[in-house]
Amino acid sequence: FWRTREDAPEGHLSGSAPSALVDNTDEAMDIALVDRDDVGRMPVGMLVPTGALITVGLALTVLAGPIFAYT
């Protein structure tokens, strides 16, 4: 878990598809990480809602005392 990819056994290999989407998870389906396509950046459609949820959660946490005192 804490090893670098170079020190791990078969650390240079990765599954060609997520294992939940594949019926047969033989070692023949492993590909070298250098052969993988670039996975790209995280989509904005994931970052914006996550940031909004964090902001609302923190705002509720900060405002919980005054809201509770008001009621």
PDB file of N, CA and C in Angstrom:
ATOM      1  N   PHE A   1       0.811  -1.193   0.000  1.00  0.00           N
ATOM      2  CA  PHE A   1       0.000   0.000   0.000  1.00  0.00           C
ATOM      3  C   PHE A   1       0.857   1.259   0.000  1.00  0.00           C
ATOM      4  N   TRP A   2       1.897   1.279   0.821  1.00  0.00           N
ATOM      5  CA  TRP A   2       2.725   2.480   0.928  1.00  0.00           C
ATOM      6  C   TRP A   2       3.919   2.452  -0.009  1.00  0.00           C
ATOM      7  N   ARG A   3       4.110   1.362  -0.723  1.00  0.00           N
ATOM      8  CA  ARG A   3       5.271   1.266  -1.610  1.00  0.00           C
ATOM      9  C   ARG A   3       5.101   2.136  -2.847  1.00  0.00           C
ATOM     10  N   THR A   4       6.235   2.493  -3.415  1.00  0.00           N
ATOM     11  CA  THR A   4       6.168   3.176  -4.701  1.00  0.00           C
ATOM     12  C   THR A   4       5.772   2.166  -5.761  1.00  0.00           C
ATOM     13  N   ARG A   5       5.280   2.638  -6.859  1.00  0.00           N
ATOM     14  CA  ARG A   5       4.832   1.742  -7.926  1.00  0.00           C
ATOM     15  C   ARG A   5       5.982   0.876  -8.440  1.00  0.00           C
ATOM     16  N   GLU A   6       7.205   1.413  -8.440  1.00  0.00           N
ATOM     17  CA  GLU A   6       8.352   0.653  -8.937  1.00  0.00           C
ATOM     18  C   GLU A   6       8.717  -0.499  -8.003  1.00  0.00           C
ATOM     19  N   ASP A   7       8.502  -0.348  -6.690  1.00  0.00           N
ATOM     20  CA  ASP A   7       8.866  -1.383  -5.728  1.00  0.00           C
ATOM     21  C   ASP A   7       7.794  -2.460  -5.587  1.00  0.00           C
ATOM     22  N   ALA A   8       6.593  -2.175  -5.988  1.00  0.00           N
ATOM     23  CA  ALA A   8       5.495  -3.123  -5.806  1.00  0.00           C
ATOM     24  C   ALA A   8       5.566  -4.225  -6.854  1.00  0.00           C
ATOM     25  N   PRO A   9       5.205  -5.465  -6.459  1.00  0.00           N
ATOM     26  CA  PRO A   9       5.159  -6.524  -7.462  1.00  0.00           C
ATOM     27  C   PRO A   9       4.059  -6.205  -8.474  1.00  0.00           C
ATOM     28  N   GLU A  10       4.395  -6.297  -9.721  1.00  0.00           N
ATOM     29  CA  GLU A  10       3.479  -5.968 -10.815  1.00  0.00           C
ATOM     30  C   GLU A  10       2.936  -4.547 -10.676  1.00  0.00           C
ATOM     31  N   GLY A  11       3.755  -3.647 -10.137  1.00  0.00           N
ATOM     32  CA  GLY A  11       3.328  -2.271  -9.953  1.00  0.00           C
ATOM     33  C   GLY A  11       3.200  -1.503 -11.248  1.00  0.00           C
ATOM     34  N   HIS A  12       3.761  -2.040 -12.299  1.00  0.00           N
ATOM     35  CA  HIS A  12       3.694  -1.370 -13.594  1.00  0.00           C
ATOM     36  C   HIS A  12       2.462  -1.780 -14.389  1.00  0.00           C
ATOM     37  N   LEU A  13       1.626  -2.656 -13.812  1.00  0.00           N
ATOM     38  CA  LEU A  13       0.447  -3.146 -14.523  1.00  0.00           C
ATOM     39  C   LEU A  13      -0.826  -2.539 -13.958  1.00  0.00           C
ATOM     40  N   SER A  14      -1.806  -2.450 -14.798  1.00  0.00           N
ATOM     41  CA  SER A  14      -3.121  -1.963 -14.396  1.00  0.00           C
ATOM     42  C   SER A  14      -4.161  -2.727 -15.192  1.00  0.00           C
ATOM     43  N   GLY A  15      -5.365  -2.798 -14.659  1.00  0.00           N
ATOM     44  CA  GLY A  15      -6.440  -3.425 -15.408  1.00  0.00           C
ATOM     45  C   GLY A  15      -6.815  -2.565 -16.604  1.00  0.00           C
ATOM     46  N   SER A  16      -7.176  -3.205 -17.706  1.00  0.00           N
ATOM     47  CA  SER A  16      -7.527  -2.442 -18.900  1.00  0.00           C
ATOM     48  C   SER A  16      -8.889  -1.786 -18.770  1.00  0.00           C
ATOM     49  N   ALA A  17      -9.720  -2.294 -17.859  1.00  0.00           N
ATOM     50  CA  ALA A  17     -11.036  -1.707 -17.586  1.00  0.00           C
ATOM     51  C   ALA A  17     -11.322  -1.903 -16.106  1.00  0.00           C
ATOM     52  N   PRO A  18     -12.206  -1.114 -15.527  1.00  0.00           N
ATOM     53  CA  PRO A  18     -12.562  -1.336 -14.120  1.00  0.00           C
ATOM     54  C   PRO A  18     -13.081  -2.758 -13.922  1.00  0.00           C
ATOM     55  N   SER A  19     -12.657  -3.407 -12.849  1.00  0.00           N
ATOM     56  CA  SER A  19     -12.985  -4.816 -12.665  1.00  0.00           C
ATOM     57  C   SER A  19     -14.478  -5.056 -12.508  1.00  0.00           C
ATOM     58  N   ALA A  20     -15.233  -4.079 -12.060  1.00  0.00           N
ATOM     59  CA  ALA A  20     -16.678  -4.266 -11.925  1.00  0.00           C
ATOM     60  C   ALA A  20     -17.361  -4.331 -13.285  1.00  0.00           C
ATOM     61  N   LEU A  21     -16.701  -3.863 -14.321  1.00  0.00           N
ATOM     62  CA  LEU A  21     -17.299  -3.843 -15.650  1.00  0.00           C
ATOM     63  C   LEU A  21     -16.841  -5.001 -16.523  1.00  0.00           C
ATOM     64  N   VAL A  22     -15.963  -5.838 -16.004  1.00  0.00           N
ATOM     65  CA  VAL A  22     -15.388  -6.910 -16.792  1.00  0.00           C
ATOM     66  C   VAL A  22     -15.826  -8.246 -16.216  1.00  0.00           C
ATOM     67  N   ASP A  23     -16.258  -9.157 -17.091  1.00  0.00           N
ATOM     68  CA  ASP A  23     -16.669 -10.480 -16.633  1.00  0.00           C
ATOM     69  C   ASP A  23     -15.469 -11.355 -16.300  1.00  0.00           C
ATOM     70  N   ASN A  24     -14.417 -11.268 -17.085  1.00  0.00           N
ATOM     71  CA  ASN A  24     -13.256 -12.127 -16.924  1.00  0.00           C
ATOM     72  C   ASN A  24     -12.064 -11.264 -16.531  1.00  0.00           C
ATOM     73  N   THR A  25     -11.570 -11.443 -15.310  1.00  0.00           N
ATOM     74  CA  THR A  25     -10.459 -10.613 -14.833  1.00  0.00           C
ATOM     75  C   THR A  25      -9.153 -11.398 -14.813  1.00  0.00           C
ATOM     76  N   ASP A  26      -8.826 -12.035 -15.924  1.00  0.00           N
ATOM     77  CA  ASP A  26      -7.561 -12.767 -16.019  1.00  0.00           C
ATOM     78  C   ASP A  26      -6.400 -11.789 -16.098  1.00  0.00           C
ATOM     79  N   GLU A  27      -5.193 -12.308 -15.818  1.00  0.00           N
ATOM     80  CA  GLU A  27      -4.007 -11.464 -15.905  1.00  0.00           C
ATOM     81  C   GLU A  27      -3.738 -11.030 -17.339  1.00  0.00           C
ATOM     82  N   ALA A  28      -4.306 -11.744 -18.303  1.00  0.00           N
ATOM     83  CA  ALA A  28      -4.097 -11.376 -19.697  1.00  0.00           C
ATOM     84  C   ALA A  28      -4.713 -10.017 -20.014  1.00  0.00           C
ATOM     85  N   MET A  29      -5.613  -9.563 -19.173  1.00  0.00           N
ATOM     86  CA  MET A  29      -6.276  -8.292 -19.414  1.00  0.00           C
ATOM     87  C   MET A  29      -5.505  -7.127 -18.807  1.00  0.00           C
ATOM     88  N   ASP A  30      -4.407  -7.409 -18.105  1.00  0.00           N
ATOM     89  CA  ASP A  30      -3.603  -6.341 -17.525  1.00  0.00           C
ATOM     90  C   ASP A  30      -2.796  -5.652 -18.618  1.00  0.00           C
ATOM     91  N   ILE A  31      -2.640  -4.357 -18.480  1.00  0.00           N
ATOM     92  CA  ILE A  31      -1.823  -3.601 -19.418  1.00  0.00           C
ATOM     93  C   ILE A  31      -0.812  -2.792 -18.620  1.00  0.00           C
ATOM     94  N   ALA A  32       0.291  -2.474 -19.245  1.00  0.00           N
ATOM     95  CA  ALA A  32       1.309  -1.656 -18.586  1.00  0.00           C
ATOM     96  C   ALA A  32       0.792  -0.228 -18.480  1.00  0.00           C
ATOM     97  N   LEU A  33       1.124   0.431 -17.367  1.00  0.00           N
ATOM     98  CA  LEU A  33       0.645   1.793 -17.154  1.00  0.00           C
ATOM     99  C   LEU A  33       1.142   2.753 -18.223  1.00  0.00           C
ATOM    100  N   VAL A  34       2.309   2.492 -18.767  1.00  0.00           N
ATOM    101  CA  VAL A  34       2.826   3.382 -19.811  1.00  0.00           C
ATOM    102  C   VAL A  34       2.019   3.256 -21.094  1.00  0.00           C
ATOM    103  N   ASP A  35       1.291   2.144 -21.265  1.00  0.00           N
ATOM    104  CA  ASP A  35       0.484   1.936 -22.467  1.00  0.00           C
ATOM    105  C   ASP A  35      -0.926   2.504 -22.340  1.00  0.00           C
ATOM    106  N   ARG A  36      -1.301   2.952 -21.139  1.00  0.00           N
ATOM    107  CA  ARG A  36      -2.652   3.484 -20.946  1.00  0.00           C
ATOM    108  C   ARG A  36      -2.790   4.850 -21.587  1.00  0.00           C
ATOM    109  N   ASP A  37      -3.997   5.137 -22.023  1.00  0.00           N
ATOM    110  CA  ASP A  37      -4.287   6.487 -22.500  1.00  0.00           C
ATOM    111  C   ASP A  37      -4.310   7.428 -21.312  1.00  0.00           C
ATOM    112  N   ASP A  38      -4.032   8.694 -21.562  1.00  0.00           N
ATOM    113  CA  ASP A  38      -4.100   9.698 -20.509  1.00  0.00           C
ATOM    114  C   ASP A  38      -5.542   9.798 -20.032  1.00  0.00           C
ATOM    115  N   VAL A  39      -5.727   9.716 -18.729  1.00  0.00           N
ATOM    116  CA  VAL A  39      -7.086   9.733 -18.187  1.00  0.00           C
ATOM    117  C   VAL A  39      -7.665  11.135 -18.160  1.00  0.00           C
ATOM    118  N   GLY A  40      -6.873  12.151 -18.368  1.00  0.00           N
ATOM    119  CA  GLY A  40      -7.371  13.515 -18.451  1.00  0.00           C
ATOM    120  C   GLY A  40      -7.621  14.137 -17.100  1.00  0.00           C
ATOM    121  N   ARG A  41      -8.303  15.253 -17.131  1.00  0.00           N
ATOM    122  CA  ARG A  41      -8.594  15.999 -15.913  1.00  0.00           C
ATOM    123  C   ARG A  41      -9.944  15.599 -15.361  1.00  0.00           C
ATOM    124  N   MET A  42     -10.149  15.953 -14.101  1.00  0.00           N
ATOM    125  CA  MET A  42     -11.434  15.698 -13.473  1.00  0.00           C
ATOM    126  C   MET A  42     -12.460  16.676 -14.055  1.00  0.00           C
ATOM    127  N   PRO A  43     -13.644  16.198 -14.440  1.00  0.00           N
ATOM    128  CA  PRO A  43     -14.634  17.078 -15.058  1.00  0.00           C
ATOM    129  C   PRO A  43     -15.148  18.140 -14.094  1.00  0.00           C
ATOM    130  N   VAL A  44     -15.454  19.304 -14.644  1.00  0.00           N
ATOM    131  CA  VAL A  44     -15.987  20.406 -13.844  1.00  0.00           C
ATOM    132  C   VAL A  44     -17.325  20.007 -13.229  1.00  0.00           C
ATOM    133  N   GLY A  45     -18.071  19.160 -13.924  1.00  0.00           N
ATOM    134  CA  GLY A  45     -19.359  18.688 -13.418  1.00  0.00           C
ATOM    135  C   GLY A  45     -19.240  17.868 -12.144  1.00  0.00           C
ATOM    136  N   MET A  46     -18.041  17.436 -11.809  1.00  0.00           N
ATOM    137  CA  MET A  46     -17.821  16.740 -10.544  1.00  0.00           C
ATOM    138  C   MET A  46     -17.282  17.697  -9.488  1.00  0.00           C
ATOM    139  N   LEU A  47     -16.463  18.637  -9.899  1.00  0.00           N
ATOM    140  CA  LEU A  47     -15.827  19.543  -8.944  1.00  0.00           C
ATOM    141  C   LEU A  47     -16.788  20.591  -8.389  1.00  0.00           C
ATOM    142  N   VAL A  48     -17.627  21.160  -9.239  1.00  0.00           N
ATOM    143  CA  VAL A  48     -18.524  22.229  -8.796  1.00  0.00           C
ATOM    144  C   VAL A  48     -19.535  21.729  -7.762  1.00  0.00           C
ATOM    145  N   PRO A  49     -20.248  20.615  -8.004  1.00  0.00           N
ATOM    146  CA  PRO A  49     -21.179  20.141  -6.971  1.00  0.00           C
ATOM    147  C   PRO A  49     -20.472  19.744  -5.673  1.00  0.00           C
ATOM    148  N   THR A  50     -19.284  19.172  -5.783  1.00  0.00           N
ATOM    149  CA  THR A  50     -18.543  18.809  -4.582  1.00  0.00           C
ATOM    150  C   THR A  50     -18.165  20.048  -3.786  1.00  0.00           C
ATOM    151  N   GLY A  51     -17.682  21.063  -4.470  1.00  0.00           N
ATOM    152  CA  GLY A  51     -17.352  22.318  -3.797  1.00  0.00           C
ATOM    153  C   GLY A  51     -18.575  22.964  -3.172  1.00  0.00           C
ATOM    154  N   ALA A  52     -19.711  22.893  -3.869  1.00  0.00           N
ATOM    155  CA  ALA A  52     -20.946  23.463  -3.328  1.00  0.00           C
ATOM    156  C   ALA A  52     -21.387  22.719  -2.072  1.00  0.00           C
ATOM    157  N   LEU A  53     -21.297  21.403  -2.087  1.00  0.00           N
ATOM    158  CA  LEU A  53     -21.672  20.620  -0.905  1.00  0.00           C
ATOM    159  C   LEU A  53     -20.761  20.930   0.276  1.00  0.00           C
ATOM    160  N   ILE A  54     -19.478  21.069   0.023  1.00  0.00           N
ATOM    161  CA  ILE A  54     -18.541  21.405   1.098  1.00  0.00           C
ATOM    162  C   ILE A  54     -18.851  22.791   1.651  1.00  0.00           C
ATOM    163  N   THR A  55     -19.120  23.742   0.759  1.00  0.00           N
ATOM    164  CA  THR A  55     -19.425  25.109   1.191  1.00  0.00           C
ATOM    165  C   THR A  55     -20.699  25.158   2.019  1.00  0.00           C
ATOM    166  N   VAL A  56     -21.748  24.487   1.566  1.00  0.00           N
ATOM    167  CA  VAL A  56     -23.013  24.472   2.311  1.00  0.00           C
ATOM    168  C   VAL A  56     -22.830  23.775   3.651  1.00  0.00           C
ATOM    169  N   GLY A  57     -22.096  22.673   3.674  1.00  0.00           N
ATOM    170  CA  GLY A  57     -21.852  21.968   4.932  1.00  0.00           C
ATOM    171  C   GLY A  57     -21.094  22.818   5.933  1.00  0.00           C
ATOM    172  N   LEU A  58     -20.063  23.502   5.461  1.00  0.00           N
ATOM    173  CA  LEU A  58     -19.303  24.376   6.357  1.00  0.00           C
ATOM    174  C   LEU A  58     -20.143  25.561   6.820  1.00  0.00           C
ATOM    175  N   ALA A  59     -20.955  26.114   5.920  1.00  0.00           N
ATOM    176  CA  ALA A  59     -21.808  27.239   6.299  1.00  0.00           C
ATOM    177  C   ALA A  59     -22.821  26.816   7.360  1.00  0.00           C
ATOM    178  N   LEU A  60     -23.414  25.646   7.194  1.00  0.00           N
ATOM    179  CA  LEU A  60     -24.356  25.153   8.201  1.00  0.00           C
ATOM    180  C   LEU A  60     -23.661  24.907   9.534  1.00  0.00           C
ATOM    181  N   THR A  61     -22.439  24.421   9.477  1.00  0.00           N
ATOM    182  CA  THR A  61     -21.693  24.179  10.706  1.00  0.00           C
ATOM    183  C   THR A  61     -21.401  25.487  11.433  1.00  0.00           C
ATOM    184  N   VAL A  62     -20.976  26.496  10.696  1.00  0.00           N
ATOM    185  CA  VAL A  62     -20.647  27.787  11.300  1.00  0.00           C
ATOM    186  C   VAL A  62     -21.906  28.489  11.800  1.00  0.00           C
ATOM    187  N   LEU A  63     -22.988  28.390  11.048  1.00  0.00           N
ATOM    188  CA  LEU A  63     -24.222  29.087  11.405  1.00  0.00           C
ATOM    189  C   LEU A  63     -25.120  28.293  12.352  1.00  0.00           C
ATOM    190  N   ALA A  64     -24.731  27.085  12.723  1.00  0.00           N
ATOM    191  CA  ALA A  64     -25.588  26.245  13.566  1.00  0.00           C
ATOM    192  C   ALA A  64     -25.833  26.881  14.926  1.00  0.00           C
ATOM    193  N   GLY A  65     -24.827  27.487  15.510  1.00  0.00           N
ATOM    194  CA  GLY A  65     -24.998  28.125  16.820  1.00  0.00           C
ATOM    195  C   GLY A  65     -25.996  29.260  16.780  1.00  0.00           C
ATOM    196  N   PRO A  66     -25.811  30.242  15.891  1.00  0.00           N
ATOM    197  CA  PRO A  66     -26.791  31.328  15.820  1.00  0.00           C
ATOM    198  C   PRO A  66     -28.189  30.855  15.427  1.00  0.00           C
ATOM    199  N   ILE A  67     -28.279  29.882  14.542  1.00  0.00           N
ATOM    200  CA  ILE A  67     -29.599  29.365  14.159  1.00  0.00           C
ATOM    201  C   ILE A  67     -30.258  28.695  15.356  1.00  0.00           C
ATOM    202  N   PHE A  68     -29.504  27.922  16.118  1.00  0.00           N
ATOM    203  CA  PHE A  68     -30.052  27.246  17.293  1.00  0.00           C
ATOM    204  C   PHE A  68     -30.453  28.259  18.361  1.00  0.00           C
ATOM    205  N   ALA A  69     -29.677  29.314  18.534  1.00  0.00           N
ATOM    206  CA  ALA A  69     -29.987  30.343  19.527  1.00  0.00           C
ATOM    207  C   ALA A  69     -31.234  31.132  19.138  1.00  0.00           C
ATOM    208  N   TYR A  70     -31.493  31.260  17.856  1.00  0.00           N
ATOM    209  CA  TYR A  70     -32.651  32.012  17.371  1.00  0.00           C
ATOM    210  C   TYR A  70     -33.956  31.273  17.639  1.00  0.00           C
ATOM    211  N   THR A  71     -33.927  29.955  17.545  1.00  0.00           N
ATOM    212  CA  THR A  71     -35.168  29.181  17.700  1.00  0.00           C
ATOM    213  C   THR A  71     -35.499  28.884  19.123  1.00  0.00           C
TER     214      THR A  71
END
